[in-house]
Amino acid sequence: MKRSALCLSLSGCFVLLAALALQAQAPSSPDEKVTQLPEFEEVFRLAAAQSQLSPQMQEELLAQFKREYGRRVIRAPELRAAVLELLYQREIPYTVAQNFLGALRDYRKTLTAPLDTGFLEAVRRVDPGDRTVYKLDKVNRVTPPRPVQQPLPLYTASARRLGVEGLVLLEALVLEDGSIANVKVIRGLGYGLDESAVLTIQDRWKFQPGTLDGEAVPVKATIEVSFRLY
């Protein structure tokens, strides 16, 4: 069975991680320039037409791509591999596949900037305003948040195929109602595992909130997610 294990680390310091054999950059921040999915689809169709792929094949490839890579931020190396894999699955000849990738590069720098397939819009962002956001350290007298619901995030197909394992380190805001917001990746694995961890923790985890003198308060916590293939 292929599962992932999770460990909540509620401390004011980041966990120091050993160097990983497989490392990738974390998903893009809102300030990083990314290619949006509609822009990618437009360029994809132009490149497919130039490579003489039929309109039906274009739409089938795009539909499959969105099914397999939805709500992701995909960086250049994985995107090239993903596109090639889709073409080879349809038994597109090697020379046509290479022409297709060349056409994608010629139209725009689609294969160099990260491609956002909806992940950034799915991340919940909350402005705490003038409220104090507490860290868990020896100075504060905050009772730590306690997870009461923490289902495991799923492996992505691409990470499973490549045998990617390791740790994802996240930082998150645990709000007064026990919900999660402002999750960001401190150390990632790529291949969809970072996004899987973020969205699972944001959408499906629940906490008993942290408290100060009996009152619920917003707390910044670090969460360590260990992905292992069993």
C-alpha atoms as a PDB file:
ATOM      1  CA  MET A   1       0.000   0.000   0.000  1.00  0.00           C
ATOM      2  CA  LYS A   2       1.283   3.453  -0.884  1.00  0.00           C
ATOM      3  CA  ARG A   3       0.579   5.883   1.930  1.00  0.00           C
ATOM      4  CA  SER A   4       1.983   9.027   3.490  1.00  0.00           C
ATOM      5  CA  ALA A   5       2.634   9.665   7.152  1.00  0.00           C
ATOM      6  CA  LEU A   6       2.148  12.985   8.896  1.00  0.00           C
ATOM      7  CA  CYS A   7       3.655  14.558  11.971  1.00  0.00           C
ATOM      8  CA  LEU A   8       2.583  17.889  13.445  1.00  0.00           C
ATOM      9  CA  SER A   9       5.479  19.955  14.731  1.00  0.00           C
ATOM     10  CA  LEU A  10       4.164  22.830  16.835  1.00  0.00           C
ATOM     11  CA  SER A  11       7.199  24.937  17.515  1.00  0.00           C
ATOM     12  CA  GLY A  12       8.483  28.397  16.758  1.00  0.00           C
ATOM     13  CA  CYS A  13      11.524  27.030  14.908  1.00  0.00           C
ATOM     14  CA  PHE A  14      11.647  25.302  11.568  1.00  0.00           C
ATOM     15  CA  VAL A  15      12.530  21.637  11.606  1.00  0.00           C
ATOM     16  CA  LEU A  16      15.990  20.999  10.161  1.00  0.00           C
ATOM     17  CA  LEU A  17      15.767  18.373   7.452  1.00  0.00           C
ATOM     18  CA  ALA A  18      18.487  16.135   6.101  1.00  0.00           C
ATOM     19  CA  ALA A  19      19.363  16.573   2.447  1.00  0.00           C
ATOM     20  CA  LEU A  20      16.986  14.621   0.246  1.00  0.00           C
ATOM     21  CA  ALA A  21      18.051  12.517  -2.696  1.00  0.00           C
ATOM     22  CA  LEU A  22      15.141  13.923  -4.715  1.00  0.00           C
ATOM     23  CA  GLN A  23      14.497  17.617  -4.266  1.00  0.00           C
ATOM     24  CA  ALA A  24      12.305  20.081  -6.146  1.00  0.00           C
ATOM     25  CA  GLN A  25      11.340  23.677  -5.666  1.00  0.00           C
ATOM     26  CA  ALA A  26       8.205  24.341  -3.673  1.00  0.00           C
ATOM     27  CA  PRO A  27       5.029  25.523  -5.426  1.00  0.00           C
ATOM     28  CA  SER A  28       5.127  29.084  -6.640  1.00  0.00           C
ATOM     29  CA  SER A  29       4.314  31.948  -4.336  1.00  0.00           C
ATOM     30  CA  PRO A  30       1.678  34.480  -5.481  1.00  0.00           C
ATOM     31  CA  ASP A  31       4.521  36.878  -6.366  1.00  0.00           C
ATOM     32  CA  GLU A  32       6.279  34.455  -8.715  1.00  0.00           C
ATOM     33  CA  LYS A  33       5.443  34.723 -12.396  1.00  0.00           C
ATOM     34  CA  VAL A  34       3.571  31.646 -13.572  1.00  0.00           C
ATOM     35  CA  THR A  35       1.802  30.532 -16.719  1.00  0.00           C
ATOM     36  CA  GLN A  36      -1.948  30.203 -16.212  1.00  0.00           C
ATOM     37  CA  LEU A  37      -3.833  27.207 -17.571  1.00  0.00           C
ATOM     38  CA  PRO A  38      -5.903  29.097 -20.212  1.00  0.00           C
ATOM     39  CA  GLU A  39      -2.692  30.580 -21.624  1.00  0.00           C
ATOM     40  CA  PHE A  40      -1.087  27.145 -21.700  1.00  0.00           C
ATOM     41  CA  GLU A  41      -4.136  25.648 -23.445  1.00  0.00           C
ATOM     42  CA  GLU A  42      -3.971  28.306 -26.169  1.00  0.00           C
ATOM     43  CA  VAL A  43      -0.277  27.682 -26.819  1.00  0.00           C
ATOM     44  CA  PHE A  44      -0.810  23.916 -26.592  1.00  0.00           C
ATOM     45  CA  ARG A  45      -3.397  24.055 -29.398  1.00  0.00           C
ATOM     46  CA  LEU A  46      -1.178  26.246 -31.587  1.00  0.00           C
ATOM     47  CA  ALA A  47       1.777  23.890 -31.119  1.00  0.00           C
ATOM     48  CA  ALA A  48      -0.413  20.845 -31.759  1.00  0.00           C
ATOM     49  CA  ALA A  49      -1.747  22.350 -34.985  1.00  0.00           C
ATOM     50  CA  GLN A  50       1.788  23.188 -36.136  1.00  0.00           C
ATOM     51  CA  SER A  51       2.778  19.577 -35.399  1.00  0.00           C
ATOM     52  CA  GLN A  52      -0.216  18.411 -37.480  1.00  0.00           C
ATOM     53  CA  LEU A  53      -2.066  16.733 -34.622  1.00  0.00           C
ATOM     54  CA  SER A  54      -5.790  16.488 -35.312  1.00  0.00           C
ATOM     55  CA  PRO A  55      -8.203  18.776 -33.399  1.00  0.00           C
ATOM     56  CA  GLN A  56      -9.695  15.695 -31.745  1.00  0.00           C
ATOM     57  CA  MET A  57      -6.273  14.535 -30.560  1.00  0.00           C
ATOM     58  CA  GLN A  58      -5.519  18.035 -29.244  1.00  0.00           C
ATOM     59  CA  GLU A  59      -8.646  18.067 -27.092  1.00  0.00           C
ATOM     60  CA  GLU A  60      -8.100  14.499 -25.860  1.00  0.00           C
ATOM     61  CA  LEU A  61      -4.538  15.343 -24.816  1.00  0.00           C
ATOM     62  CA  LEU A  62      -5.622  18.531 -23.044  1.00  0.00           C
ATOM     63  CA  ALA A  63      -8.456  16.755 -21.239  1.00  0.00           C
ATOM     64  CA  GLN A  64      -6.115  14.013 -20.040  1.00  0.00           C
ATOM     65  CA  PHE A  65      -3.523  16.573 -18.945  1.00  0.00           C
ATOM     66  CA  LYS A  66      -6.094  18.453 -16.839  1.00  0.00           C
ATOM     67  CA  ARG A  67      -7.355  15.224 -15.272  1.00  0.00           C
ATOM     68  CA  GLU A  68      -3.879  14.128 -14.224  1.00  0.00           C
ATOM     69  CA  TYR A  69      -2.369  17.488 -13.280  1.00  0.00           C
ATOM     70  CA  GLY A  70      -5.277  19.566 -11.967  1.00  0.00           C
ATOM     71  CA  ARG A  71      -4.705  22.001  -9.074  1.00  0.00           C
ATOM     72  CA  ARG A  72      -0.957  21.802  -9.428  1.00  0.00           C
ATOM     73  CA  VAL A  73       2.011  24.078  -9.988  1.00  0.00           C
ATOM     74  CA  ILE A  74       4.179  22.226 -12.485  1.00  0.00           C
ATOM     75  CA  ARG A  75       7.743  23.315 -13.117  1.00  0.00           C
ATOM     76  CA  ALA A  76       9.606  23.053 -16.390  1.00  0.00           C
ATOM     77  CA  PRO A  77      11.319  19.625 -16.100  1.00  0.00           C
ATOM     78  CA  GLU A  78       8.167  17.847 -14.972  1.00  0.00           C
ATOM     79  CA  LEU A  79       6.006  19.697 -17.509  1.00  0.00           C
ATOM     80  CA  ARG A  80       8.205  18.592 -20.411  1.00  0.00           C
ATOM     81  CA  ALA A  81       8.143  15.012 -19.121  1.00  0.00           C
ATOM     82  CA  ALA A  82       4.367  15.149 -18.614  1.00  0.00           C
ATOM     83  CA  VAL A  83       3.707  16.398 -22.143  1.00  0.00           C
ATOM     84  CA  LEU A  84       6.029  13.790 -23.656  1.00  0.00           C
ATOM     85  CA  GLU A  85       4.401  11.017 -21.641  1.00  0.00           C
ATOM     86  CA  LEU A  86       0.942  12.035 -22.871  1.00  0.00           C
ATOM     87  CA  LEU A  87       2.167  11.982 -26.465  1.00  0.00           C
ATOM     88  CA  TYR A  88       3.852   8.608 -26.130  1.00  0.00           C
ATOM     89  CA  GLN A  89       0.764   7.097 -24.489  1.00  0.00           C
ATOM     90  CA  ARG A  90      -1.115   8.016 -27.669  1.00  0.00           C
ATOM     91  CA  GLU A  91       1.687   6.460 -29.751  1.00  0.00           C
ATOM     92  CA  ILE A  92       2.627   9.790 -31.297  1.00  0.00           C
ATOM     93  CA  PRO A  93       5.922   9.279 -33.198  1.00  0.00           C
ATOM     94  CA  TYR A  94       9.094  10.516 -31.538  1.00  0.00           C
ATOM     95  CA  THR A  95       9.838  13.125 -34.212  1.00  0.00           C
ATOM     96  CA  VAL A  96       6.317  14.559 -33.944  1.00  0.00           C
ATOM     97  CA  ALA A  97       6.621  14.708 -30.157  1.00  0.00           C
ATOM     98  CA  GLN A  98       9.923  16.572 -30.400  1.00  0.00           C
ATOM     99  CA  ASN A  99       8.431  18.986 -32.956  1.00  0.00           C
ATOM    100  CA  PHE A 100       5.515  19.558 -30.617  1.00  0.00           C
ATOM    101  CA  LEU A 101       7.803  20.495 -27.710  1.00  0.00           C
ATOM    102  CA  GLY A 102       9.830  22.718 -30.023  1.00  0.00           C
ATOM    103  CA  ALA A 103       6.681  24.488 -31.151  1.00  0.00           C
ATOM    104  CA  LEU A 104       5.635  25.055 -27.533  1.00  0.00           C
ATOM    105  CA  ARG A 105       8.983  26.726 -26.844  1.00  0.00           C
ATOM    106  CA  ASP A 106       8.797  28.795 -30.027  1.00  0.00           C
ATOM    107  CA  TYR A 107       5.392  30.332 -29.287  1.00  0.00           C
ATOM    108  CA  ARG A 108       6.148  31.454 -25.736  1.00  0.00           C
ATOM    109  CA  LYS A 109       8.306  30.506 -22.802  1.00  0.00           C
ATOM    110  CA  THR A 110       5.592  28.108 -21.734  1.00  0.00           C
ATOM    111  CA  LEU A 111       8.014  25.372 -20.753  1.00  0.00           C
ATOM    112  CA  THR A 112      10.287  27.540 -18.603  1.00  0.00           C
ATOM    113  CA  ALA A 113       7.874  29.336 -16.232  1.00  0.00           C
ATOM    114  CA  PRO A 114       5.893  27.248 -13.728  1.00  0.00           C
ATOM    115  CA  LEU A 115       2.402  26.314 -14.918  1.00  0.00           C
ATOM    116  CA  ASP A 116      -0.431  26.864 -12.433  1.00  0.00           C
ATOM    117  CA  THR A 117      -3.379  24.560 -13.099  1.00  0.00           C
ATOM    118  CA  GLY A 118      -5.513  26.084 -10.324  1.00  0.00           C
ATOM    119  CA  PHE A 119      -3.477  25.434  -7.186  1.00  0.00           C
ATOM    120  CA  LEU A 120      -2.768  29.046  -6.258  1.00  0.00           C
ATOM    121  CA  GLU A 121      -6.438  29.990  -6.451  1.00  0.00           C
ATOM    122  CA  ALA A 122      -7.322  27.002  -4.257  1.00  0.00           C
ATOM    123  CA  VAL A 123      -5.064  28.103  -1.386  1.00  0.00           C
ATOM    124  CA  ARG A 124      -7.058  29.831   1.351  1.00  0.00           C
ATOM    125  CA  ARG A 125      -5.575  33.158   2.397  1.00  0.00           C
ATOM    126  CA  VAL A 126      -6.712  35.037   5.492  1.00  0.00           C
ATOM    127  CA  ASP A 127      -5.571  38.458   6.661  1.00  0.00           C
ATOM    128  CA  PRO A 128      -5.421  38.372  10.472  1.00  0.00           C
ATOM    129  CA  GLY A 129      -5.641  42.170  10.535  1.00  0.00           C
ATOM    130  CA  ASP A 130      -4.586  43.644  13.871  1.00  0.00           C
ATOM    131  CA  ARG A 131      -4.914  40.343  15.723  1.00  0.00           C
ATOM    132  CA  THR A 132      -1.747  38.934  17.260  1.00  0.00           C
ATOM    133  CA  VAL A 133      -0.601  35.717  15.603  1.00  0.00           C
ATOM    134  CA  TYR A 134       1.237  33.645  18.171  1.00  0.00           C
ATOM    135  CA  LYS A 135       4.226  31.396  17.724  1.00  0.00           C
ATOM    136  CA  LEU A 136       4.783  28.490  20.042  1.00  0.00           C
ATOM    137  CA  ASP A 137       7.865  29.208  22.087  1.00  0.00           C
ATOM    138  CA  LYS A 138       8.934  29.528  25.691  1.00  0.00           C
ATOM    139  CA  VAL A 139       8.024  33.208  25.812  1.00  0.00           C
ATOM    140  CA  ASN A 140       4.310  32.770  25.034  1.00  0.00           C
ATOM    141  CA  ARG A 141       1.928  30.981  27.359  1.00  0.00           C
ATOM    142  CA  VAL A 142      -0.117  29.651  24.464  1.00  0.00           C
ATOM    143  CA  THR A 143      -1.635  26.192  24.671  1.00  0.00           C
ATOM    144  CA  PRO A 144      -0.790  24.548  21.314  1.00  0.00           C
ATOM    145  CA  PRO A 145      -3.491  23.662  18.788  1.00  0.00           C
ATOM    146  CA  ARG A 146      -4.347  19.976  18.794  1.00  0.00           C
ATOM    147  CA  PRO A 147      -5.284  18.125  15.603  1.00  0.00           C
ATOM    148  CA  VAL A 148      -8.571  16.265  15.913  1.00  0.00           C
ATOM    149  CA  GLN A 149      -8.959  15.284  12.256  1.00  0.00           C
ATOM    150  CA  GLN A 150      -5.933  14.617  10.036  1.00  0.00           C
ATOM    151  CA  PRO A 151      -6.489  12.364   7.002  1.00  0.00           C
ATOM    152  CA  LEU A 152      -3.449  11.440   4.942  1.00  0.00           C
ATOM    153  CA  PRO A 153      -2.722  13.321   1.714  1.00  0.00           C
ATOM    154  CA  LEU A 154      -2.596  11.125  -1.375  1.00  0.00           C
ATOM    155  CA  TYR A 155       0.365  10.280  -3.553  1.00  0.00           C
ATOM    156  CA  THR A 156       0.206  11.647  -7.075  1.00  0.00           C
ATOM    157  CA  ALA A 157       0.602   9.269 -10.002  1.00  0.00           C
ATOM    158  CA  SER A 158       3.775  10.984 -11.240  1.00  0.00           C
ATOM    159  CA  ALA A 159       5.445  10.844  -7.804  1.00  0.00           C
ATOM    160  CA  ARG A 160       4.506   7.187  -7.443  1.00  0.00           C
ATOM    161  CA  ARG A 161       5.891   6.295 -10.878  1.00  0.00           C
ATOM    162  CA  LEU A 162       9.192   8.007 -10.112  1.00  0.00           C
ATOM    163  CA  GLY A 163       9.449   6.612  -6.590  1.00  0.00           C
ATOM    164  CA  VAL A 164       9.651  10.060  -4.964  1.00  0.00           C
ATOM    165  CA  GLU A 165       9.865   9.889  -1.168  1.00  0.00           C
ATOM    166  CA  GLY A 166      10.826  12.332   1.565  1.00  0.00           C
ATOM    167  CA  LEU A 167       9.561  15.149   3.739  1.00  0.00           C
ATOM    168  CA  VAL A 168       7.419  18.178   2.986  1.00  0.00           C
ATOM    169  CA  LEU A 169       7.646  20.973   5.551  1.00  0.00           C
ATOM    170  CA  LEU A 170       4.725  23.406   5.719  1.00  0.00           C
ATOM    171  CA  GLU A 171       3.898  26.522   7.692  1.00  0.00           C
ATOM    172  CA  ALA A 172       0.237  27.225   8.428  1.00  0.00           C
ATOM    173  CA  LEU A 173      -2.044  29.541  10.381  1.00  0.00           C
ATOM    174  CA  VAL A 174      -4.392  27.713  12.770  1.00  0.00           C
ATOM    175  CA  LEU A 175      -7.341  30.046  13.299  1.00  0.00           C
ATOM    176  CA  GLU A 176      -9.583  30.476  16.319  1.00  0.00           C
ATOM    177  CA  ASP A 177     -12.222  28.150  14.854  1.00  0.00           C
ATOM    178  CA  GLY A 178      -9.672  25.381  14.257  1.00  0.00           C
ATOM    179  CA  SER A 179      -9.537  25.864  10.487  1.00  0.00           C
ATOM    180  CA  ILE A 180      -6.322  26.242   8.483  1.00  0.00           C
ATOM    181  CA  ALA A 181      -5.218  29.122   6.266  1.00  0.00           C
ATOM    182  CA  ASN A 182      -2.136  30.668   4.676  1.00  0.00           C
ATOM    183  CA  VAL A 183      -0.395  27.332   4.188  1.00  0.00           C
ATOM    184  CA  LYS A 184       2.956  27.677   2.467  1.00  0.00           C
ATOM    185  CA  VAL A 185       5.677  25.217   1.575  1.00  0.00           C
ATOM    186  CA  ILE A 186       8.973  25.681   3.379  1.00  0.00           C
ATOM    187  CA  ARG A 187      10.612  22.568   1.943  1.00  0.00           C
ATOM    188  CA  GLY A 188       9.030  20.583  -0.870  1.00  0.00           C
ATOM    189  CA  LEU A 189       9.384  17.419  -2.924  1.00  0.00           C
ATOM    190  CA  GLY A 190       7.594  18.460  -6.103  1.00  0.00           C
ATOM    191  CA  TYR A 191       5.651  16.151  -8.430  1.00  0.00           C
ATOM    192  CA  GLY A 192       2.364  17.163  -6.821  1.00  0.00           C
ATOM    193  CA  LEU A 193       3.188  15.994  -3.300  1.00  0.00           C
ATOM    194  CA  ASP A 194       3.536  19.548  -1.961  1.00  0.00           C
ATOM    195  CA  GLU A 195       0.143  20.547  -3.350  1.00  0.00           C
ATOM    196  CA  SER A 196      -1.439  17.331  -2.115  1.00  0.00           C
ATOM    197  CA  ALA A 197      -0.175  18.052   1.403  1.00  0.00           C
ATOM    198  CA  VAL A 198      -1.247  21.713   1.347  1.00  0.00           C
ATOM    199  CA  LEU A 199      -4.781  21.139   0.058  1.00  0.00           C
ATOM    200  CA  THR A 200      -5.430  18.107   2.265  1.00  0.00           C
ATOM    201  CA  ILE A 201      -4.350  19.939   5.410  1.00  0.00           C
ATOM    202  CA  GLN A 202      -6.230  23.087   4.421  1.00  0.00           C
ATOM    203  CA  ASP A 203      -9.465  21.418   3.325  1.00  0.00           C
ATOM    204  CA  ARG A 204      -9.698  18.301   5.491  1.00  0.00           C
ATOM    205  CA  TRP A 205      -7.718  18.828   8.681  1.00  0.00           C
ATOM    206  CA  LYS A 206      -9.415  20.213  11.789  1.00  0.00           C
ATOM    207  CA  PHE A 207      -7.844  21.463  15.005  1.00  0.00           C
ATOM    208  CA  GLN A 208      -8.814  22.268  18.514  1.00  0.00           C
ATOM    209  CA  PRO A 209      -7.460  25.837  18.412  1.00  0.00           C
ATOM    210  CA  GLY A 210      -4.598  27.183  20.456  1.00  0.00           C
ATOM    211  CA  THR A 211      -5.566  29.187  23.520  1.00  0.00           C
ATOM    212  CA  LEU A 212      -4.152  31.953  25.673  1.00  0.00           C
ATOM    213  CA  ASP A 213      -5.679  32.362  29.119  1.00  0.00           C
ATOM    214  CA  GLY A 214      -8.586  30.227  27.988  1.00  0.00           C
ATOM    215  CA  GLU A 215      -9.318  32.255  24.850  1.00  0.00           C
ATOM    216  CA  ALA A 216      -8.836  30.845  21.341  1.00  0.00           C
ATOM    217  CA  VAL A 217      -6.067  32.652  19.442  1.00  0.00           C
ATOM    218  CA  PRO A 218      -4.520  32.347  15.947  1.00  0.00           C
ATOM    219  CA  VAL A 219      -1.306  30.349  16.032  1.00  0.00           C
ATOM    220  CA  LYS A 220       1.415  29.829  13.426  1.00  0.00           C
ATOM    221  CA  ALA A 221       2.510  26.200  13.325  1.00  0.00           C
ATOM    222  CA  THR A 222       4.871  24.057  11.304  1.00  0.00           C
ATOM    223  CA  ILE A 223       3.641  20.748   9.903  1.00  0.00           C
ATOM    224  CA  GLU A 224       5.942  18.004   8.697  1.00  0.00           C
ATOM    225  CA  VAL A 225       4.579  15.547   6.138  1.00  0.00           C
ATOM    226  CA  SER A 226       6.496  12.360   5.431  1.00  0.00           C
ATOM    227  CA  PHE A 227       5.750  10.642   2.116  1.00  0.00           C
ATOM    228  CA  ARG A 228       6.797   7.001   1.985  1.00  0.00           C
ATOM    229  CA  LEU A 229       6.057   4.268  -0.529  1.00  0.00           C
ATOM    230  CA  TYR A 230       5.378   0.994   1.260  1.00  0.00           C
END
